[in-house]
Amino acid sequence: MERTARRSAALVGVTAFAALGLSAVGLAPTASASTDDGAVLSVMHGVPDTPVDVWVDDELTVDDFEPGDMAGPLDLPAGTYSVAITAPDAEDTSEPVIGPVDLELEAGGNYTAVAHLDADGGPTATLFTNDTSATAAGEGRLTVRHVAAAPAVDVLAGGEAVISGLENPDEEVLDLPAGTVSAAVAAAGTTEPVLGPTDVEVADGVNTIAYAWGSLDDGTLALATQTVDGLHSSPDGVPAGTSGLAADLDAPSSTFSSIALLTGSAFVGLFLVVAGVMLVKAARQHAREHHAHGHSGRR
């Protein structure tokens, strides 16, 4: 009991230390889909040319947060948190640049809060729920989020629109075969890229989240990415055959059957041999007795 308590306390301590370290450096864009009874929160800074401080419940959480950076992921108890964004080195949250905004985090949820510009260029914040549902075997997920001061856009792959008319602050989610996608962003209804093309990796069992952020008019459009892993699903089935893993998995029972048959045949054969020997011995014994009986009768 005491050992279990010590181990639990150690695990809690390590988790808390890791969370504090991640929030301090602000450069850990990979989250896990597993959340147990708490929630997972990442924070992205998508306001160009504006370093900021991030406050949660009036406590300074991320200091000197640079544009394009991602803080977290942080494991937090489910609940409602008040988030405010201020100028760097602010003494408190009395003069926020954005917020305060109440973020409701549900148990088991995976979230990203993004400070960004709205379509008209004003600062705002949006809370996104990251899709952590299982992907099919061999597939990954690509999520595209429009958080830039720009009109509706199309996302192009191979020069053709795969996402059309995406507006700020909306998102589109695609499940795709694992691989590398060459993607570009263009104004809706056009094919001339305003961002990209750039290669985006879609990994098996991973939600890759791409953010178009910045300002079109100011020439600060940029791409940021985040990944949420742990979305693997079990394959629908394992191909059967005479070789490979399926055959190897079946081998013990097949071997057992073969051994059982061989052992049974050997036992029957041995029984027949023994029976034959016994019959021969009995016949010889009978012959000897018969021969002896014949000699005694002639006397």
C-alpha atoms as a PDB file:
ATOM      1  CA  MET A   1       0.000   0.000   0.000  1.00  0.00           C
ATOM      2  CA  GLU A   2       2.793   2.392   0.987  1.00  0.00           C
ATOM      3  CA  ARG A   3       4.800   1.502  -2.146  1.00  0.00           C
ATOM      4  CA  THR A   4       1.743   2.161  -4.343  1.00  0.00           C
ATOM      5  CA  ALA A   5       1.173   5.526  -2.682  1.00  0.00           C
ATOM      6  CA  ARG A   6       4.810   6.521  -3.205  1.00  0.00           C
ATOM      7  CA  ARG A   7       4.675   5.429  -6.847  1.00  0.00           C
ATOM      8  CA  SER A   8       1.463   7.401  -7.453  1.00  0.00           C
ATOM      9  CA  ALA A   9       2.959  10.487  -5.855  1.00  0.00           C
ATOM     10  CA  ALA A  10       6.078  10.128  -7.991  1.00  0.00           C
ATOM     11  CA  LEU A  11       4.021   9.830 -11.178  1.00  0.00           C
ATOM     12  CA  VAL A  12       2.001  12.908 -10.247  1.00  0.00           C
ATOM     13  CA  GLY A  13       5.201  14.796  -9.543  1.00  0.00           C
ATOM     14  CA  VAL A  14       6.771  13.820 -12.870  1.00  0.00           C
ATOM     15  CA  THR A  15       3.590  14.757 -14.766  1.00  0.00           C
ATOM     16  CA  ALA A  16       3.380  18.131 -13.046  1.00  0.00           C
ATOM     17  CA  PHE A  17       7.064  18.823 -13.703  1.00  0.00           C
ATOM     18  CA  ALA A  18       6.670  17.918 -17.400  1.00  0.00           C
ATOM     19  CA  ALA A  19       3.615  20.154 -17.744  1.00  0.00           C
ATOM     20  CA  LEU A  20       5.432  23.075 -16.143  1.00  0.00           C
ATOM     21  CA  GLY A  21       8.420  22.528 -18.394  1.00  0.00           C
ATOM     22  CA  LEU A  22       6.262  22.444 -21.539  1.00  0.00           C
ATOM     23  CA  SER A  23       4.405  25.608 -20.570  1.00  0.00           C
ATOM     24  CA  ALA A  24       7.684  27.350 -19.879  1.00  0.00           C
ATOM     25  CA  VAL A  25       9.352  26.592 -23.200  1.00  0.00           C
ATOM     26  CA  GLY A  26       6.108  26.863 -25.178  1.00  0.00           C
ATOM     27  CA  LEU A  27       7.418  24.566 -27.924  1.00  0.00           C
ATOM     28  CA  ALA A  28       5.763  21.184 -27.639  1.00  0.00           C
ATOM     29  CA  PRO A  29       3.159  20.963 -30.404  1.00  0.00           C
ATOM     30  CA  THR A  30       2.425  17.230 -30.090  1.00  0.00           C
ATOM     31  CA  ALA A  31      -0.525  16.222 -27.935  1.00  0.00           C
ATOM     32  CA  SER A  32      -1.840  12.788 -27.065  1.00  0.00           C
ATOM     33  CA  ALA A  33      -5.435  11.776 -27.643  1.00  0.00           C
ATOM     34  CA  SER A  34      -5.611  10.050 -24.253  1.00  0.00           C
ATOM     35  CA  THR A  35      -6.977  12.372 -21.575  1.00  0.00           C
ATOM     36  CA  ASP A  36      -8.558  10.118 -18.907  1.00  0.00           C
ATOM     37  CA  ASP A  37     -10.802  12.261 -16.692  1.00  0.00           C
ATOM     38  CA  GLY A  38      -9.061  15.564 -17.405  1.00  0.00           C
ATOM     39  CA  ALA A  39      -8.684  17.720 -20.487  1.00  0.00           C
ATOM     40  CA  VAL A  40      -5.744  18.541 -22.750  1.00  0.00           C
ATOM     41  CA  LEU A  41      -5.161  22.168 -23.738  1.00  0.00           C
ATOM     42  CA  SER A  42      -2.679  23.687 -26.170  1.00  0.00           C
ATOM     43  CA  VAL A  43      -2.401  27.407 -26.889  1.00  0.00           C
ATOM     44  CA  MET A  44      -1.315  28.945 -30.203  1.00  0.00           C
ATOM     45  CA  HIS A  45      -0.250  32.535 -30.775  1.00  0.00           C
ATOM     46  CA  GLY A  46      -1.441  33.644 -34.207  1.00  0.00           C
ATOM     47  CA  VAL A  47      -1.309  37.453 -33.978  1.00  0.00           C
ATOM     48  CA  PRO A  48       1.587  38.746 -36.115  1.00  0.00           C
ATOM     49  CA  ASP A  49       4.323  41.018 -34.768  1.00  0.00           C
ATOM     50  CA  THR A  50       2.913  40.977 -31.250  1.00  0.00           C
ATOM     51  CA  PRO A  51       4.688  39.100 -28.442  1.00  0.00           C
ATOM     52  CA  VAL A  52       2.244  38.634 -25.561  1.00  0.00           C
ATOM     53  CA  ASP A  53       1.779  37.169 -22.104  1.00  0.00           C
ATOM     54  CA  VAL A  54      -0.919  34.559 -21.462  1.00  0.00           C
ATOM     55  CA  TRP A  55      -2.796  34.558 -18.165  1.00  0.00           C
ATOM     56  CA  VAL A  56      -5.034  31.779 -16.893  1.00  0.00           C
ATOM     57  CA  ASP A  57      -7.327  32.635 -13.985  1.00  0.00           C
ATOM     58  CA  ASP A  58      -5.282  35.818 -13.424  1.00  0.00           C
ATOM     59  CA  GLU A  59      -2.033  33.837 -13.127  1.00  0.00           C
ATOM     60  CA  LEU A  60       0.803  34.413 -15.629  1.00  0.00           C
ATOM     61  CA  THR A  61       1.084  31.108 -17.497  1.00  0.00           C
ATOM     62  CA  VAL A  62       3.129  31.828 -20.648  1.00  0.00           C
ATOM     63  CA  ASP A  63       5.596  34.720 -20.615  1.00  0.00           C
ATOM     64  CA  ASP A  64       6.735  36.521 -23.794  1.00  0.00           C
ATOM     65  CA  PHE A  65       4.731  34.277 -26.114  1.00  0.00           C
ATOM     66  CA  GLU A  66       6.035  34.755 -29.681  1.00  0.00           C
ATOM     67  CA  PRO A  67       3.804  34.764 -32.821  1.00  0.00           C
ATOM     68  CA  GLY A  68       3.606  31.357 -34.462  1.00  0.00           C
ATOM     69  CA  ASP A  69       4.515  29.491 -31.258  1.00  0.00           C
ATOM     70  CA  MET A  70       2.495  26.732 -29.606  1.00  0.00           C
ATOM     71  CA  ALA A  71       2.394  26.217 -25.826  1.00  0.00           C
ATOM     72  CA  GLY A  72       1.478  22.907 -24.223  1.00  0.00           C
ATOM     73  CA  PRO A  73      -0.077  20.451 -24.355  1.00  0.00           C
ATOM     74  CA  LEU A  74      -1.116  20.780 -20.719  1.00  0.00           C
ATOM     75  CA  ASP A  75      -3.152  18.198 -18.812  1.00  0.00           C
ATOM     76  CA  LEU A  76      -5.759  20.095 -16.813  1.00  0.00           C
ATOM     77  CA  PRO A  77      -8.723  19.169 -14.641  1.00  0.00           C
ATOM     78  CA  ALA A  78     -12.006  19.609 -16.484  1.00  0.00           C
ATOM     79  CA  GLY A  79     -13.655  22.944 -15.769  1.00  0.00           C
ATOM     80  CA  THR A  80     -13.946  26.556 -16.910  1.00  0.00           C
ATOM     81  CA  TYR A  81     -10.820  28.703 -17.197  1.00  0.00           C
ATOM     82  CA  SER A  82     -10.570  32.450 -17.720  1.00  0.00           C
ATOM     83  CA  VAL A  83      -7.852  33.268 -20.252  1.00  0.00           C
ATOM     84  CA  ALA A  84      -6.542  36.758 -20.925  1.00  0.00           C
ATOM     85  CA  ILE A  85      -3.775  37.909 -23.263  1.00  0.00           C
ATOM     86  CA  THR A  86      -1.806  41.015 -22.406  1.00  0.00           C
ATOM     87  CA  ALA A  87       1.150  42.980 -23.674  1.00  0.00           C
ATOM     88  CA  PRO A  88       4.525  41.564 -22.572  1.00  0.00           C
ATOM     89  CA  ASP A  89       5.536  42.254 -18.979  1.00  0.00           C
ATOM     90  CA  ALA A  90       2.068  43.424 -17.951  1.00  0.00           C
ATOM     91  CA  GLU A  91       1.608  43.569 -14.190  1.00  0.00           C
ATOM     92  CA  ASP A  92      -1.882  42.038 -14.323  1.00  0.00           C
ATOM     93  CA  THR A  93      -4.874  41.438 -16.624  1.00  0.00           C
ATOM     94  CA  SER A  94      -6.493  44.857 -16.161  1.00  0.00           C
ATOM     95  CA  GLU A  95      -5.633  45.929 -19.735  1.00  0.00           C
ATOM     96  CA  PRO A  96      -5.841  42.798 -21.900  1.00  0.00           C
ATOM     97  CA  VAL A  97      -5.146  42.751 -25.636  1.00  0.00           C
ATOM     98  CA  ILE A  98      -7.602  39.846 -25.974  1.00  0.00           C
ATOM     99  CA  GLY A  99     -10.157  38.639 -23.448  1.00  0.00           C
ATOM    100  CA  PRO A 100     -10.642  37.643 -20.822  1.00  0.00           C
ATOM    101  CA  VAL A 101     -12.343  34.662 -22.456  1.00  0.00           C
ATOM    102  CA  ASP A 102     -13.941  31.798 -20.552  1.00  0.00           C
ATOM    103  CA  LEU A 103     -12.849  28.413 -21.886  1.00  0.00           C
ATOM    104  CA  GLU A 104     -14.983  25.441 -20.868  1.00  0.00           C
ATOM    105  CA  LEU A 105     -12.939  22.241 -20.962  1.00  0.00           C
ATOM    106  CA  GLU A 106     -14.862  18.984 -20.682  1.00  0.00           C
ATOM    107  CA  ALA A 107     -13.448  15.754 -19.279  1.00  0.00           C
ATOM    108  CA  GLY A 108     -11.813  13.711 -22.037  1.00  0.00           C
ATOM    109  CA  GLY A 109     -11.610  16.700 -24.394  1.00  0.00           C
ATOM    110  CA  ASN A 110      -8.584  17.788 -26.401  1.00  0.00           C
ATOM    111  CA  TYR A 111      -8.500  21.503 -27.200  1.00  0.00           C
ATOM    112  CA  THR A 112      -6.422  24.230 -28.800  1.00  0.00           C
ATOM    113  CA  ALA A 113      -7.040  27.875 -27.905  1.00  0.00           C
ATOM    114  CA  VAL A 114      -5.839  30.207 -30.649  1.00  0.00           C
ATOM    115  CA  ALA A 115      -5.201  33.932 -30.289  1.00  0.00           C
ATOM    116  CA  HIS A 116      -5.502  35.274 -33.837  1.00  0.00           C
ATOM    117  CA  LEU A 117      -6.907  37.933 -36.137  1.00  0.00           C
ATOM    118  CA  ASP A 118     -10.466  37.824 -37.386  1.00  0.00           C
ATOM    119  CA  ALA A 119     -11.279  38.260 -41.072  1.00  0.00           C
ATOM    120  CA  ASP A 120     -11.172  42.062 -40.716  1.00  0.00           C
ATOM    121  CA  GLY A 121      -7.857  42.112 -38.867  1.00  0.00           C
ATOM    122  CA  GLY A 122      -9.107  42.561 -35.288  1.00  0.00           C
ATOM    123  CA  PRO A 123      -7.595  40.486 -32.469  1.00  0.00           C
ATOM    124  CA  THR A 124      -9.771  37.657 -31.191  1.00  0.00           C
ATOM    125  CA  ALA A 125      -9.563  34.155 -29.716  1.00  0.00           C
ATOM    126  CA  THR A 126     -11.122  30.836 -30.727  1.00  0.00           C
ATOM    127  CA  LEU A 127     -11.292  27.543 -28.859  1.00  0.00           C
ATOM    128  CA  PHE A 128     -11.061  24.518 -31.172  1.00  0.00           C
ATOM    129  CA  THR A 129     -11.916  20.953 -30.194  1.00  0.00           C
ATOM    130  CA  ASN A 130      -9.362  18.578 -31.721  1.00  0.00           C
ATOM    131  CA  ASP A 131     -10.862  15.463 -33.335  1.00  0.00           C
ATOM    132  CA  THR A 132      -9.404  12.466 -31.502  1.00  0.00           C
ATOM    133  CA  SER A 133     -11.717   9.786 -32.915  1.00  0.00           C
ATOM    134  CA  ALA A 134      -9.954   6.700 -34.259  1.00  0.00           C
ATOM    135  CA  THR A 135      -8.656   6.704 -37.812  1.00  0.00           C
ATOM    136  CA  ALA A 136      -8.798   3.678 -40.089  1.00  0.00           C
ATOM    137  CA  ALA A 137      -5.720   1.488 -40.314  1.00  0.00           C
ATOM    138  CA  GLY A 138      -3.119   3.110 -42.568  1.00  0.00           C
ATOM    139  CA  GLU A 139      -4.811   6.507 -42.475  1.00  0.00           C
ATOM    140  CA  GLY A 140      -4.121   9.827 -40.793  1.00  0.00           C
ATOM    141  CA  ARG A 141      -6.169  12.970 -40.304  1.00  0.00           C
ATOM    142  CA  LEU A 142      -5.572  16.439 -41.776  1.00  0.00           C
ATOM    143  CA  THR A 143      -7.324  19.368 -40.124  1.00  0.00           C
ATOM    144  CA  VAL A 144      -7.102  22.793 -41.780  1.00  0.00           C
ATOM    145  CA  ARG A 145      -7.983  25.915 -39.748  1.00  0.00           C
ATOM    146  CA  HIS A 146      -8.402  29.424 -41.127  1.00  0.00           C
ATOM    147  CA  VAL A 147      -7.335  31.927 -38.443  1.00  0.00           C
ATOM    148  CA  ALA A 148      -5.887  34.629 -40.710  1.00  0.00           C
ATOM    149  CA  ALA A 149      -7.025  38.135 -41.565  1.00  0.00           C
ATOM    150  CA  ALA A 150      -8.108  37.093 -45.035  1.00  0.00           C
ATOM    151  CA  PRO A 151     -11.311  36.334 -46.951  1.00  0.00           C
ATOM    152  CA  ALA A 152     -12.547  32.805 -47.593  1.00  0.00           C
ATOM    153  CA  VAL A 153      -9.900  30.492 -49.031  1.00  0.00           C
ATOM    154  CA  ASP A 154      -9.573  27.252 -50.953  1.00  0.00           C
ATOM    155  CA  VAL A 155      -7.034  24.602 -50.029  1.00  0.00           C
ATOM    156  CA  LEU A 156      -5.362  23.154 -53.105  1.00  0.00           C
ATOM    157  CA  ALA A 157      -3.694  19.790 -53.627  1.00  0.00           C
ATOM    158  CA  GLY A 158      -2.189  19.121 -57.013  1.00  0.00           C
ATOM    159  CA  GLY A 159      -3.595  22.442 -58.236  1.00  0.00           C
ATOM    160  CA  GLU A 160      -7.202  21.465 -57.467  1.00  0.00           C
ATOM    161  CA  ALA A 161      -9.401  22.546 -54.576  1.00  0.00           C
ATOM    162  CA  VAL A 162      -9.885  19.839 -51.957  1.00  0.00           C
ATOM    163  CA  ILE A 163     -11.412  22.306 -49.485  1.00  0.00           C
ATOM    164  CA  SER A 164     -13.516  25.187 -50.817  1.00  0.00           C
ATOM    165  CA  GLY A 165     -14.706  28.444 -49.289  1.00  0.00           C
ATOM    166  CA  LEU A 166     -13.101  28.005 -45.856  1.00  0.00           C
ATOM    167  CA  GLU A 167     -13.793  31.105 -43.762  1.00  0.00           C
ATOM    168  CA  ASN A 168     -12.199  32.510 -40.613  1.00  0.00           C
ATOM    169  CA  PRO A 169     -12.471  30.936 -37.962  1.00  0.00           C
ATOM    170  CA  ASP A 170     -13.720  27.652 -39.474  1.00  0.00           C
ATOM    171  CA  GLU A 171     -12.017  24.324 -40.021  1.00  0.00           C
ATOM    172  CA  GLU A 172     -12.253  21.312 -42.325  1.00  0.00           C
ATOM    173  CA  VAL A 173     -11.250  17.768 -41.407  1.00  0.00           C
ATOM    174  CA  LEU A 174     -10.097  15.119 -43.887  1.00  0.00           C
ATOM    175  CA  ASP A 175      -9.101  11.491 -43.256  1.00  0.00           C
ATOM    176  CA  LEU A 176      -6.434  10.530 -45.793  1.00  0.00           C
ATOM    177  CA  PRO A 177      -4.044   7.668 -46.534  1.00  0.00           C
ATOM    178  CA  ALA A 178      -0.791   8.195 -44.658  1.00  0.00           C
ATOM    179  CA  GLY A 179       1.766  10.082 -46.755  1.00  0.00           C
ATOM    180  CA  THR A 180       2.923  13.550 -47.716  1.00  0.00           C
ATOM    181  CA  VAL A 181       0.465  16.097 -49.104  1.00  0.00           C
ATOM    182  CA  SER A 182       1.635  19.113 -51.125  1.00  0.00           C
ATOM    183  CA  ALA A 183      -0.875  21.778 -50.135  1.00  0.00           C
ATOM    184  CA  ALA A 184      -1.403  25.439 -50.967  1.00  0.00           C
ATOM    185  CA  VAL A 185      -3.904  28.103 -49.940  1.00  0.00           C
ATOM    186  CA  ALA A 186      -5.584  30.352 -52.513  1.00  0.00           C
ATOM    187  CA  ALA A 187      -8.371  32.907 -52.415  1.00  0.00           C
ATOM    188  CA  ALA A 188     -11.706  31.154 -52.827  1.00  0.00           C
ATOM    189  CA  GLY A 189     -12.467  30.376 -56.454  1.00  0.00           C
ATOM    190  CA  THR A 190      -8.875  30.889 -57.628  1.00  0.00           C
ATOM    191  CA  THR A 191      -5.837  28.653 -58.063  1.00  0.00           C
ATOM    192  CA  GLU A 192      -3.046  31.192 -57.495  1.00  0.00           C
ATOM    193  CA  PRO A 193      -1.503  30.349 -54.074  1.00  0.00           C
ATOM    194  CA  VAL A 194      -1.282  33.078 -51.454  1.00  0.00           C
ATOM    195  CA  LEU A 195       0.398  30.589 -49.112  1.00  0.00           C
ATOM    196  CA  GLY A 196       2.505  27.606 -50.127  1.00  0.00           C
ATOM    197  CA  PRO A 197       2.659  25.136 -51.676  1.00  0.00           C
ATOM    198  CA  THR A 198       4.241  23.282 -48.777  1.00  0.00           C
ATOM    199  CA  ASP A 199       4.612  19.607 -47.916  1.00  0.00           C
ATOM    200  CA  VAL A 200       2.445  18.445 -45.012  1.00  0.00           C
ATOM    201  CA  GLU A 201       3.009  14.976 -43.581  1.00  0.00           C
ATOM    202  CA  VAL A 202      -0.118  12.939 -42.830  1.00  0.00           C
ATOM    203  CA  ALA A 203       1.058  10.229 -40.456  1.00  0.00           C
ATOM    204  CA  ASP A 204      -0.734   6.992 -39.603  1.00  0.00           C
ATOM    205  CA  GLY A 205      -2.947   7.491 -36.542  1.00  0.00           C
ATOM    206  CA  VAL A 206      -2.086  11.186 -36.188  1.00  0.00           C
ATOM    207  CA  ASN A 207      -4.226  14.297 -36.547  1.00  0.00           C
ATOM    208  CA  THR A 208      -2.030  16.893 -38.269  1.00  0.00           C
ATOM    209  CA  ILE A 209      -3.539  20.349 -37.765  1.00  0.00           C
ATOM    210  CA  ALA A 210      -2.491  23.128 -40.136  1.00  0.00           C
ATOM    211  CA  TYR A 211      -3.201  26.769 -39.261  1.00  0.00           C
ATOM    212  CA  ALA A 212      -3.232  29.539 -41.850  1.00  0.00           C
ATOM    213  CA  TRP A 213      -2.555  32.613 -39.722  1.00  0.00           C
ATOM    214  CA  GLY A 214      -1.355  36.184 -40.111  1.00  0.00           C
ATOM    215  CA  SER A 215      -2.651  38.909 -42.427  1.00  0.00           C
ATOM    216  CA  LEU A 216      -3.059  38.846 -46.189  1.00  0.00           C
ATOM    217  CA  ASP A 217      -2.978  42.649 -46.558  1.00  0.00           C
ATOM    218  CA  ASP A 218       0.122  43.005 -44.383  1.00  0.00           C
ATOM    219  CA  GLY A 219       1.964  40.183 -46.123  1.00  0.00           C
ATOM    220  CA  THR A 220       2.340  38.140 -42.922  1.00  0.00           C
ATOM    221  CA  LEU A 221       0.431  35.009 -43.922  1.00  0.00           C
ATOM    222  CA  ALA A 222       2.137  31.923 -42.509  1.00  0.00           C
ATOM    223  CA  LEU A 223       1.557  28.252 -41.747  1.00  0.00           C
ATOM    224  CA  ALA A 224       1.785  26.612 -38.316  1.00  0.00           C
ATOM    225  CA  THR A 225       1.247  22.935 -37.565  1.00  0.00           C
ATOM    226  CA  GLN A 226       0.261  20.887 -34.549  1.00  0.00           C
ATOM    227  CA  THR A 227      -0.096  17.129 -34.187  1.00  0.00           C
ATOM    228  CA  VAL A 228      -2.330  15.000 -31.977  1.00  0.00           C
ATOM    229  CA  ASP A 229      -1.268  11.350 -31.902  1.00  0.00           C
ATOM    230  CA  GLY A 230      -2.701   8.118 -30.562  1.00  0.00           C
ATOM    231  CA  LEU A 231      -5.627   7.798 -32.992  1.00  0.00           C
ATOM    232  CA  HIS A 232      -4.780   4.299 -34.245  1.00  0.00           C
ATOM    233  CA  SER A 233      -7.571   1.785 -34.635  1.00  0.00           C
ATOM    234  CA  SER A 234      -7.258  -1.988 -34.751  1.00  0.00           C
ATOM    235  CA  PRO A 235      -7.164  -3.441 -38.277  1.00  0.00           C
ATOM    236  CA  ASP A 236     -10.484  -4.915 -39.429  1.00  0.00           C
ATOM    237  CA  GLY A 237      -8.879  -8.311 -39.804  1.00  0.00           C
ATOM    238  CA  VAL A 238      -5.645 -10.198 -40.273  1.00  0.00           C
ATOM    239  CA  PRO A 239      -5.293 -11.869 -43.671  1.00  0.00           C
ATOM    240  CA  ALA A 240      -5.142 -15.636 -43.324  1.00  0.00           C
ATOM    241  CA  GLY A 241      -2.772 -17.800 -45.333  1.00  0.00           C
ATOM    242  CA  THR A 242      -0.121 -20.472 -45.270  1.00  0.00           C
ATOM    243  CA  SER A 243       2.735 -18.123 -44.432  1.00  0.00           C
ATOM    244  CA  GLY A 244       3.335 -14.934 -42.481  1.00  0.00           C
ATOM    245  CA  LEU A 245       1.988 -13.816 -39.119  1.00  0.00           C
ATOM    246  CA  ALA A 246      -1.448 -15.403 -39.478  1.00  0.00           C
ATOM    247  CA  ALA A 247       0.085 -18.769 -40.248  1.00  0.00           C
ATOM    248  CA  ASP A 248       2.562 -18.373 -37.373  1.00  0.00           C
ATOM    249  CA  LEU A 249      -0.259 -17.547 -34.969  1.00  0.00           C
ATOM    250  CA  ASP A 250      -2.113 -20.668 -36.103  1.00  0.00           C
ATOM    251  CA  ALA A 251       1.024 -22.817 -35.919  1.00  0.00           C
ATOM    252  CA  PRO A 252       0.768 -23.918 -32.246  1.00  0.00           C
ATOM    253  CA  SER A 253      -2.680 -25.482 -32.660  1.00  0.00           C
ATOM    254  CA  SER A 254      -1.718 -26.993 -36.029  1.00  0.00           C
ATOM    255  CA  THR A 255       1.467 -28.382 -34.512  1.00  0.00           C
ATOM    256  CA  PHE A 256      -0.477 -29.750 -31.579  1.00  0.00           C
ATOM    257  CA  SER A 257      -2.904 -31.471 -33.951  1.00  0.00           C
ATOM    258  CA  SER A 258      -0.055 -32.955 -35.959  1.00  0.00           C
ATOM    259  CA  ILE A 259       1.700 -34.173 -32.831  1.00  0.00           C
ATOM    260  CA  ALA A 260      -1.532 -35.643 -31.525  1.00  0.00           C
ATOM    261  CA  LEU A 261      -2.139 -37.506 -34.782  1.00  0.00           C
ATOM    262  CA  LEU A 262       1.428 -38.762 -34.965  1.00  0.00           C
ATOM    263  CA  THR A 263       1.368 -39.816 -31.328  1.00  0.00           C
ATOM    264  CA  GLY A 264      -1.934 -41.623 -31.829  1.00  0.00           C
ATOM    265  CA  SER A 265      -0.649 -43.419 -34.940  1.00  0.00           C
ATOM    266  CA  ALA A 266       2.552 -44.403 -33.167  1.00  0.00           C
ATOM    267  CA  PHE A 267       0.567 -45.683 -30.187  1.00  0.00           C
ATOM    268  CA  VAL A 268      -1.667 -47.788 -32.451  1.00  0.00           C
ATOM    269  CA  GLY A 269       1.369 -49.081 -34.317  1.00  0.00           C
ATOM    270  CA  LEU A 270       3.142 -49.942 -31.084  1.00  0.00           C
ATOM    271  CA  PHE A 271       0.002 -51.659 -29.807  1.00  0.00           C
ATOM    272  CA  LEU A 272      -0.189 -53.756 -32.972  1.00  0.00           C
ATOM    273  CA  VAL A 273       3.494 -54.678 -32.717  1.00  0.00           C
ATOM    274  CA  VAL A 274       3.178 -55.641 -29.074  1.00  0.00           C
ATOM    275  CA  ALA A 275       0.002 -57.579 -29.810  1.00  0.00           C
ATOM    276  CA  GLY A 276       1.727 -59.337 -32.670  1.00  0.00           C
ATOM    277  CA  VAL A 277       4.693 -60.290 -30.501  1.00  0.00           C
ATOM    278  CA  MET A 278       2.338 -61.540 -27.799  1.00  0.00           C
ATOM    279  CA  LEU A 279       0.401 -63.605 -30.343  1.00  0.00           C
ATOM    280  CA  VAL A 280       3.623 -65.105 -31.713  1.00  0.00           C
ATOM    281  CA  LYS A 281       4.785 -65.951 -28.214  1.00  0.00           C
ATOM    282  CA  ALA A 282       1.416 -67.474 -27.412  1.00  0.00           C
ATOM    283  CA  ALA A 283       1.460 -69.507 -30.596  1.00  0.00           C
ATOM    284  CA  ARG A 284       4.974 -70.796 -29.881  1.00  0.00           C
ATOM    285  CA  GLN A 285       4.034 -71.604 -26.332  1.00  0.00           C
ATOM    286  CA  HIS A 286       0.952 -73.413 -27.558  1.00  0.00           C
ATOM    287  CA  ALA A 287       3.033 -75.356 -30.096  1.00  0.00           C
ATOM    288  CA  ARG A 288       5.548 -76.385 -27.456  1.00  0.00           C
ATOM    289  CA  GLU A 289       2.801 -77.539 -25.140  1.00  0.00           C
ATOM    290  CA  HIS A 290       1.110 -79.391 -27.955  1.00  0.00           C
ATOM    291  CA  HIS A 291       4.410 -81.010 -28.940  1.00  0.00           C
ATOM    292  CA  ALA A 292       5.115 -82.059 -25.363  1.00  0.00           C
ATOM    293  CA  HIS A 293       1.604 -83.476 -25.008  1.00  0.00           C
ATOM    294  CA  GLY A 294       2.078 -85.548 -28.163  1.00  0.00           C
ATOM    295  CA  HIS A 295       5.295 -87.112 -26.869  1.00  0.00           C
ATOM    296  CA  SER A 296       3.733 -88.101 -23.557  1.00  0.00           C
ATOM    297  CA  GLY A 297       0.786 -89.769 -25.349  1.00  0.00           C
ATOM    298  CA  ARG A 298       3.073 -92.008 -27.432  1.00  0.00           C
ATOM    299  CA  ARG A 299       4.710 -93.400 -24.360  1.00  0.00           C
END
